[in-house]
Amino acid sequence: MKLILTQEVTGLGTPGDVVEVKDGYGRNYLLPRGLATPWTKGGEKQVESIRRARAKREIKSIEDARQVKGILEAKTVTLRVRAGSSGRLFGSVTPADVAEAVAAVGGPKLDRRKVEVRNAIKSTGDYTVSVRLHPDVEARVKLQVVAAS
């Protein structure tokens, strides 16, 4: 099955890429979640608009990405969330929450789509979250989740 990615999928590609995947993966995972659209000849225009939008958001050079990586890895980000007395959160920490917390401590403004929370964060404690700054550069952000008073 040939698809056009609309969002970044780890291990598969970035928005605007035309990929060939197995039918079940495309039909049962990528299409229902809005991560891809079916490829058509008219879809080439859509690919170009997605690539232009991505180019505006992306960090241009690998040197800039490494510089931002150094800034992010030097900081410990504290995120205050509502939690019960046992430390269990009411809900979970989302990539958008992480991006807002990084900006609040004086870090660079991050696109929430570039933040990867691999395992759901559902309790207070210390975690590590990855941020894809460039196809070749990935930063690890130290995240401290504490209960809001």
N, C-alpha and C. Protein backbone atom coordinates (compact mmCIF):
# COMPACT_ATOMS: atom_id res chain seq x y z
N MET A 1 0.85 -1.17 0.00
CA MET A 1 0.00 0.00 0.00
C MET A 1 0.90 1.23 0.00
N LYS A 2 0.61 2.16 -0.86
CA LYS A 2 1.39 3.38 -1.00
C LYS A 2 0.65 4.52 -0.30
N LEU A 3 1.34 5.20 0.64
CA LEU A 3 0.73 6.26 1.44
C LEU A 3 1.60 7.51 1.47
N ILE A 4 0.97 8.63 1.78
CA ILE A 4 1.67 9.90 1.99
C ILE A 4 1.58 10.19 3.48
N LEU A 5 2.72 10.31 4.15
CA LEU A 5 2.72 10.60 5.59
C LEU A 5 2.32 12.04 5.84
N THR A 6 1.43 12.27 6.80
CA THR A 6 1.01 13.61 7.17
C THR A 6 1.65 14.05 8.48
N GLN A 7 2.18 13.09 9.25
CA GLN A 7 2.88 13.38 10.48
C GLN A 7 4.10 12.49 10.54
N GLU A 8 5.05 12.82 11.41
CA GLU A 8 6.24 12.01 11.54
C GLU A 8 5.92 10.71 12.24
N VAL A 9 6.41 9.60 11.67
CA VAL A 9 6.25 8.27 12.25
C VAL A 9 7.65 7.72 12.46
N THR A 10 7.99 7.44 13.71
CA THR A 10 9.32 6.96 14.04
C THR A 10 9.60 5.66 13.30
N GLY A 11 10.74 5.62 12.63
CA GLY A 11 11.15 4.43 11.90
C GLY A 11 10.57 4.32 10.51
N LEU A 12 9.69 5.26 10.13
CA LEU A 12 9.06 5.17 8.81
C LEU A 12 9.36 6.38 7.95
N GLY A 13 9.15 7.59 8.50
CA GLY A 13 9.43 8.77 7.71
C GLY A 13 8.86 10.03 8.32
N THR A 14 9.00 11.11 7.58
CA THR A 14 8.56 12.43 8.03
C THR A 14 7.39 12.90 7.17
N PRO A 15 6.69 13.96 7.58
CA PRO A 15 5.56 14.44 6.79
C PRO A 15 5.95 14.76 5.36
N GLY A 16 5.13 14.32 4.43
CA GLY A 16 5.39 14.58 3.03
C GLY A 16 6.09 13.43 2.32
N ASP A 17 6.57 12.45 3.07
CA ASP A 17 7.23 11.30 2.45
C ASP A 17 6.19 10.35 1.88
N VAL A 18 6.50 9.79 0.72
CA VAL A 18 5.65 8.76 0.13
C VAL A 18 6.29 7.43 0.49
N VAL A 19 5.54 6.57 1.21
CA VAL A 19 6.09 5.32 1.69
C VAL A 19 5.25 4.14 1.22
N GLU A 20 5.87 3.00 1.15
CA GLU A 20 5.21 1.75 0.80
C GLU A 20 5.18 0.90 2.07
N VAL A 21 3.97 0.58 2.55
CA VAL A 21 3.82 -0.21 3.77
C VAL A 21 2.89 -1.39 3.50
N LYS A 22 2.89 -2.33 4.44
CA LYS A 22 1.98 -3.46 4.31
C LYS A 22 0.54 -2.97 4.47
N ASP A 23 -0.38 -3.64 3.81
CA ASP A 23 -1.78 -3.21 3.79
C ASP A 23 -2.37 -3.09 5.19
N GLY A 24 -2.14 -4.06 6.04
CA GLY A 24 -2.72 -4.05 7.38
C GLY A 24 -2.21 -2.89 8.23
N TYR A 25 -0.92 -2.61 8.15
CA TYR A 25 -0.32 -1.51 8.91
C TYR A 25 -0.92 -0.17 8.47
N GLY A 26 -1.06 0.00 7.18
CA GLY A 26 -1.63 1.23 6.66
C GLY A 26 -3.11 1.37 6.98
N ARG A 27 -3.87 0.32 6.75
CA ARG A 27 -5.32 0.35 6.93
C ARG A 27 -5.73 0.39 8.40
N ASN A 28 -4.99 -0.31 9.28
CA ASN A 28 -5.40 -0.44 10.68
C ASN A 28 -4.71 0.53 11.63
N TYR A 29 -3.57 1.09 11.23
CA TYR A 29 -2.85 1.97 12.15
C TYR A 29 -2.66 3.38 11.60
N LEU A 30 -2.03 3.50 10.45
CA LEU A 30 -1.68 4.82 9.93
C LEU A 30 -2.89 5.64 9.50
N LEU A 31 -3.79 5.08 8.72
CA LEU A 31 -4.94 5.83 8.22
C LEU A 31 -5.94 6.22 9.32
N PRO A 32 -6.34 5.31 10.24
CA PRO A 32 -7.31 5.72 11.27
C PRO A 32 -6.78 6.79 12.22
N ARG A 33 -5.48 6.82 12.47
CA ARG A 33 -4.90 7.80 13.38
C ARG A 33 -4.55 9.11 12.69
N GLY A 34 -4.76 9.19 11.40
CA GLY A 34 -4.49 10.41 10.66
C GLY A 34 -3.01 10.66 10.43
N LEU A 35 -2.20 9.61 10.52
CA LEU A 35 -0.76 9.75 10.30
C LEU A 35 -0.41 9.72 8.81
N ALA A 36 -1.33 9.27 7.98
CA ALA A 36 -1.08 9.17 6.55
C ALA A 36 -2.39 9.29 5.78
N THR A 37 -2.24 9.58 4.48
CA THR A 37 -3.38 9.59 3.57
C THR A 37 -3.05 8.70 2.38
N PRO A 38 -4.04 8.17 1.71
CA PRO A 38 -3.75 7.33 0.54
C PRO A 38 -3.05 8.13 -0.55
N TRP A 39 -2.13 7.49 -1.24
CA TRP A 39 -1.39 8.14 -2.31
C TRP A 39 -2.24 8.14 -3.58
N THR A 40 -2.30 9.31 -4.21
CA THR A 40 -2.96 9.45 -5.51
C THR A 40 -2.10 10.36 -6.36
N LYS A 41 -2.39 10.41 -7.64
CA LYS A 41 -1.62 11.30 -8.52
C LYS A 41 -1.85 12.75 -8.13
N GLY A 42 -3.07 13.08 -7.72
CA GLY A 42 -3.38 14.44 -7.27
C GLY A 42 -2.75 14.75 -5.91
N GLY A 43 -2.33 13.71 -5.21
CA GLY A 43 -1.71 13.90 -3.90
C GLY A 43 -0.33 14.51 -3.96
N GLU A 44 0.28 14.58 -5.12
CA GLU A 44 1.61 15.17 -5.25
C GLU A 44 1.60 16.65 -4.84
N LYS A 45 0.51 17.36 -5.13
CA LYS A 45 0.38 18.76 -4.71
C LYS A 45 0.35 18.84 -3.19
N GLN A 46 -0.35 17.89 -2.59
CA GLN A 46 -0.44 17.84 -1.13
C GLN A 46 0.96 17.58 -0.53
N VAL A 47 1.74 16.72 -1.17
CA VAL A 47 3.09 16.41 -0.69
C VAL A 47 3.93 17.69 -0.67
N GLU A 48 3.85 18.47 -1.72
CA GLU A 48 4.64 19.70 -1.78
C GLU A 48 4.24 20.69 -0.70
N SER A 49 2.94 20.83 -0.42
CA SER A 49 2.51 21.77 0.62
C SER A 49 2.94 21.28 2.00
N ILE A 50 2.91 19.99 2.23
CA ILE A 50 3.36 19.44 3.52
C ILE A 50 4.86 19.68 3.68
N ARG A 51 5.64 19.48 2.62
CA ARG A 51 7.09 19.70 2.71
C ARG A 51 7.43 21.16 2.94
N ARG A 52 6.69 22.07 2.31
CA ARG A 52 6.93 23.51 2.54
C ARG A 52 6.64 23.89 3.98
N ALA A 53 5.54 23.38 4.52
CA ALA A 53 5.19 23.68 5.91
C ALA A 53 6.22 23.11 6.87
N ARG A 54 6.73 21.92 6.57
CA ARG A 54 7.75 21.30 7.42
C ARG A 54 9.05 22.09 7.37
N ALA A 55 9.40 22.58 6.20
CA ALA A 55 10.65 23.34 6.05
C ALA A 55 10.61 24.62 6.88
N LYS A 56 9.44 25.23 7.02
CA LYS A 56 9.32 26.44 7.84
C LYS A 56 9.52 26.14 9.31
N ARG A 57 9.07 24.97 9.78
CA ARG A 57 9.15 24.62 11.19
C ARG A 57 10.50 24.04 11.59
N GLU A 58 11.21 23.43 10.66
CA GLU A 58 12.42 22.69 10.97
C GLU A 58 13.60 23.58 11.32
N ILE A 59 14.50 23.03 12.11
CA ILE A 59 15.77 23.68 12.37
C ILE A 59 16.61 23.45 11.11
N LYS A 60 17.14 24.53 10.57
CA LYS A 60 17.75 24.48 9.24
C LYS A 60 19.01 23.62 9.16
N SER A 61 19.95 23.82 10.06
CA SER A 61 21.21 23.11 9.91
C SER A 61 21.47 22.19 11.10
N ILE A 62 22.36 21.25 10.89
CA ILE A 62 22.69 20.29 11.93
C ILE A 62 23.47 20.98 13.06
N GLU A 63 24.22 22.04 12.74
CA GLU A 63 24.96 22.77 13.78
C GLU A 63 23.98 23.46 14.74
N ASP A 64 22.93 24.07 14.18
CA ASP A 64 21.91 24.70 15.02
C ASP A 64 21.22 23.66 15.90
N ALA A 65 20.94 22.49 15.34
CA ALA A 65 20.29 21.43 16.09
C ALA A 65 21.18 20.96 17.24
N ARG A 66 22.47 20.85 16.99
CA ARG A 66 23.40 20.43 18.06
C ARG A 66 23.48 21.49 19.15
N GLN A 67 23.40 22.75 18.76
CA GLN A 67 23.42 23.84 19.74
C GLN A 67 22.17 23.78 20.63
N VAL A 68 21.02 23.58 20.02
CA VAL A 68 19.77 23.46 20.77
C VAL A 68 19.81 22.21 21.66
N LYS A 69 20.41 21.14 21.16
CA LYS A 69 20.54 19.90 21.94
C LYS A 69 21.34 20.17 23.21
N GLY A 70 22.44 20.91 23.10
CA GLY A 70 23.25 21.24 24.27
C GLY A 70 22.46 22.04 25.30
N ILE A 71 21.64 22.98 24.82
CA ILE A 71 20.82 23.80 25.72
C ILE A 71 19.79 22.92 26.44
N LEU A 72 19.13 22.05 25.69
CA LEU A 72 18.08 21.21 26.26
C LEU A 72 18.63 20.21 27.27
N GLU A 73 19.77 19.59 26.95
CA GLU A 73 20.31 18.56 27.83
C GLU A 73 20.95 19.14 29.09
N ALA A 74 21.27 20.43 29.08
CA ALA A 74 21.84 21.07 30.25
C ALA A 74 20.78 21.41 31.29
N LYS A 75 19.53 21.49 30.87
CA LYS A 75 18.44 21.89 31.77
C LYS A 75 17.69 20.67 32.31
N THR A 76 17.19 20.83 33.55
CA THR A 76 16.24 19.88 34.09
C THR A 76 14.91 20.60 34.14
N VAL A 77 13.93 20.05 33.46
CA VAL A 77 12.63 20.69 33.35
C VAL A 77 11.71 20.14 34.44
N THR A 78 11.13 21.05 35.23
CA THR A 78 10.19 20.65 36.28
C THR A 78 8.77 20.92 35.78
N LEU A 79 7.95 19.91 35.87
CA LEU A 79 6.57 20.00 35.40
C LEU A 79 5.64 19.75 36.58
N ARG A 80 4.84 20.75 36.92
CA ARG A 80 3.89 20.63 38.03
C ARG A 80 2.54 20.20 37.47
N VAL A 81 2.04 19.07 37.99
CA VAL A 81 0.77 18.52 37.53
C VAL A 81 -0.08 18.11 38.73
N ARG A 82 -1.38 17.99 38.50
CA ARG A 82 -2.27 17.54 39.56
C ARG A 82 -2.06 16.05 39.79
N ALA A 83 -1.90 15.69 41.06
CA ALA A 83 -1.67 14.29 41.41
C ALA A 83 -2.35 13.97 42.72
N GLY A 84 -2.63 12.69 42.92
CA GLY A 84 -3.22 12.23 44.16
C GLY A 84 -2.17 12.11 45.24
N SER A 85 -2.60 11.71 46.43
CA SER A 85 -1.67 11.62 47.56
C SER A 85 -0.62 10.53 47.37
N SER A 86 -0.91 9.52 46.55
CA SER A 86 0.05 8.45 46.31
C SER A 86 1.04 8.79 45.20
N GLY A 87 0.88 9.95 44.56
CA GLY A 87 1.78 10.35 43.49
C GLY A 87 1.28 9.99 42.11
N ARG A 88 0.12 9.39 42.02
CA ARG A 88 -0.46 9.04 40.73
C ARG A 88 -1.14 10.28 40.14
N LEU A 89 -0.89 10.53 38.85
CA LEU A 89 -1.42 11.72 38.19
C LEU A 89 -2.88 11.56 37.81
N PHE A 90 -3.58 12.69 37.75
CA PHE A 90 -4.93 12.71 37.20
C PHE A 90 -4.76 12.91 35.70
N GLY A 91 -4.66 11.84 34.94
CA GLY A 91 -4.37 11.92 33.52
C GLY A 91 -2.93 11.50 33.29
N SER A 92 -2.30 12.06 32.27
CA SER A 92 -0.90 11.76 32.00
C SER A 92 -0.22 12.97 31.39
N VAL A 93 1.09 12.92 31.31
CA VAL A 93 1.87 14.01 30.73
C VAL A 93 1.90 13.83 29.22
N THR A 94 1.55 14.88 28.48
CA THR A 94 1.52 14.83 27.02
C THR A 94 2.74 15.54 26.44
N PRO A 95 3.05 15.30 25.16
CA PRO A 95 4.14 16.03 24.52
C PRO A 95 3.93 17.55 24.55
N ALA A 96 2.69 18.01 24.45
CA ALA A 96 2.41 19.44 24.51
C ALA A 96 2.77 20.00 25.89
N ASP A 97 2.49 19.23 26.95
CA ASP A 97 2.87 19.65 28.30
C ASP A 97 4.38 19.81 28.42
N VAL A 98 5.12 18.87 27.84
CA VAL A 98 6.58 18.92 27.90
C VAL A 98 7.10 20.14 27.14
N ALA A 99 6.54 20.40 25.95
CA ALA A 99 6.98 21.55 25.15
C ALA A 99 6.72 22.85 25.89
N GLU A 100 5.56 22.98 26.56
CA GLU A 100 5.25 24.18 27.33
C GLU A 100 6.20 24.34 28.52
N ALA A 101 6.52 23.23 29.19
CA ALA A 101 7.41 23.28 30.36
C ALA A 101 8.82 23.69 29.95
N VAL A 102 9.29 23.23 28.80
CA VAL A 102 10.63 23.61 28.32
C VAL A 102 10.67 25.11 28.04
N ALA A 103 9.62 25.62 27.41
CA ALA A 103 9.56 27.05 27.11
C ALA A 103 9.47 27.87 28.40
N ALA A 104 8.80 27.34 29.42
CA ALA A 104 8.63 28.06 30.68
C ALA A 104 9.94 28.21 31.45
N VAL A 105 10.87 27.27 31.30
CA VAL A 105 12.16 27.37 32.01
C VAL A 105 13.21 28.10 31.18
N GLY A 106 12.80 28.70 30.08
CA GLY A 106 13.72 29.49 29.28
C GLY A 106 14.38 28.73 28.14
N GLY A 107 13.90 27.54 27.85
CA GLY A 107 14.44 26.76 26.75
C GLY A 107 13.85 27.21 25.42
N PRO A 108 14.31 26.63 24.33
CA PRO A 108 13.77 27.01 23.02
C PRO A 108 12.33 26.53 22.86
N LYS A 109 11.60 27.20 21.99
CA LYS A 109 10.21 26.81 21.70
C LYS A 109 10.25 25.55 20.86
N LEU A 110 9.60 24.49 21.36
CA LEU A 110 9.61 23.21 20.67
C LEU A 110 8.26 22.93 20.04
N ASP A 111 8.28 22.22 18.94
CA ASP A 111 7.06 21.75 18.30
C ASP A 111 6.64 20.48 19.04
N ARG A 112 5.41 20.42 19.50
CA ARG A 112 4.95 19.26 20.28
C ARG A 112 5.07 17.96 19.49
N ARG A 113 5.05 18.04 18.15
CA ARG A 113 5.15 16.84 17.33
C ARG A 113 6.55 16.27 17.32
N LYS A 114 7.53 17.04 17.77
CA LYS A 114 8.91 16.58 17.81
C LYS A 114 9.25 15.91 19.14
N VAL A 115 8.36 16.04 20.13
CA VAL A 115 8.59 15.48 21.46
C VAL A 115 8.03 14.06 21.50
N GLU A 116 8.87 13.11 21.96
CA GLU A 116 8.43 11.71 22.06
C GLU A 116 8.42 11.28 23.52
N VAL A 117 7.23 10.95 24.01
CA VAL A 117 7.08 10.37 25.34
C VAL A 117 6.87 8.88 25.09
N ARG A 118 7.93 8.09 25.24
CA ARG A 118 7.87 6.68 24.86
C ARG A 118 6.95 5.86 25.75
N ASN A 119 7.11 5.99 27.06
CA ASN A 119 6.23 5.29 28.00
C ASN A 119 5.35 6.33 28.67
N ALA A 120 4.09 6.04 28.81
CA ALA A 120 3.16 7.00 29.40
C ALA A 120 3.62 7.41 30.80
N ILE A 121 3.62 8.70 31.05
CA ILE A 121 4.02 9.23 32.35
C ILE A 121 2.74 9.44 33.15
N LYS A 122 2.52 8.58 34.14
CA LYS A 122 1.28 8.62 34.91
C LYS A 122 1.51 8.76 36.40
N SER A 123 2.77 9.01 36.81
CA SER A 123 3.04 9.23 38.23
C SER A 123 4.19 10.21 38.37
N THR A 124 4.34 10.75 39.57
CA THR A 124 5.41 11.72 39.81
C THR A 124 6.75 11.00 39.81
N GLY A 125 7.81 11.75 39.53
CA GLY A 125 9.15 11.18 39.51
C GLY A 125 10.01 11.81 38.43
N ASP A 126 11.17 11.21 38.20
CA ASP A 126 12.11 11.69 37.20
C ASP A 126 12.02 10.82 35.95
N TYR A 127 11.96 11.47 34.79
CA TYR A 127 11.83 10.79 33.51
C TYR A 127 12.78 11.41 32.49
N THR A 128 13.01 10.70 31.41
CA THR A 128 13.78 11.22 30.29
C THR A 128 12.89 11.15 29.05
N VAL A 129 12.78 12.30 28.36
CA VAL A 129 11.94 12.42 27.18
C VAL A 129 12.85 12.78 26.01
N SER A 130 12.61 12.21 24.84
CA SER A 130 13.44 12.53 23.68
C SER A 130 12.76 13.55 22.78
N VAL A 131 13.58 14.40 22.16
CA VAL A 131 13.11 15.43 21.25
C VAL A 131 13.90 15.30 19.95
N ARG A 132 13.19 15.11 18.82
CA ARG A 132 13.85 15.01 17.52
C ARG A 132 14.00 16.42 16.96
N LEU A 133 15.22 16.94 17.01
CA LEU A 133 15.48 18.30 16.54
C LEU A 133 15.79 18.33 15.05
N HIS A 134 16.36 17.28 14.56
CA HIS A 134 16.82 17.17 13.17
C HIS A 134 16.85 15.68 12.88
N PRO A 135 16.77 15.26 11.63
CA PRO A 135 16.80 13.81 11.36
C PRO A 135 18.02 13.10 11.96
N ASP A 136 19.12 13.82 12.15
CA ASP A 136 20.34 13.20 12.69
C ASP A 136 20.59 13.55 14.15
N VAL A 137 19.80 14.43 14.75
CA VAL A 137 20.05 14.90 16.11
C VAL A 137 18.81 14.69 16.98
N GLU A 138 19.03 13.98 18.09
CA GLU A 138 17.94 13.74 19.05
C GLU A 138 18.45 14.13 20.43
N ALA A 139 17.70 14.97 21.13
CA ALA A 139 18.09 15.42 22.46
C ALA A 139 17.29 14.66 23.51
N ARG A 140 17.92 14.44 24.66
CA ARG A 140 17.25 13.81 25.80
C ARG A 140 17.03 14.88 26.86
N VAL A 141 15.79 15.11 27.19
CA VAL A 141 15.43 16.14 28.17
C VAL A 141 15.09 15.45 29.49
N LYS A 142 15.73 15.94 30.57
CA LYS A 142 15.44 15.42 31.90
C LYS A 142 14.19 16.10 32.40
N LEU A 143 13.18 15.33 32.73
CA LEU A 143 11.89 15.84 33.15
C LEU A 143 11.60 15.37 34.58
N GLN A 144 11.31 16.34 35.43
CA GLN A 144 10.97 16.03 36.81
C GLN A 144 9.50 16.37 36.99
N VAL A 145 8.68 15.35 37.23
CA VAL A 145 7.24 15.55 37.39
C VAL A 145 6.95 15.60 38.89
N VAL A 146 6.37 16.73 39.32
CA VAL A 146 6.05 16.92 40.74
C VAL A 146 4.57 17.26 40.87
N ALA A 147 4.04 16.96 42.05
CA ALA A 147 2.63 17.25 42.30
C ALA A 147 2.45 18.74 42.56
N ALA A 148 1.42 19.31 41.96
CA ALA A 148 1.10 20.72 42.18
C ALA A 148 0.47 20.86 43.56
N SER A 149 0.83 21.93 44.25
CA SER A 149 0.30 22.10 45.61
C SER A 149 -1.03 22.78 45.64
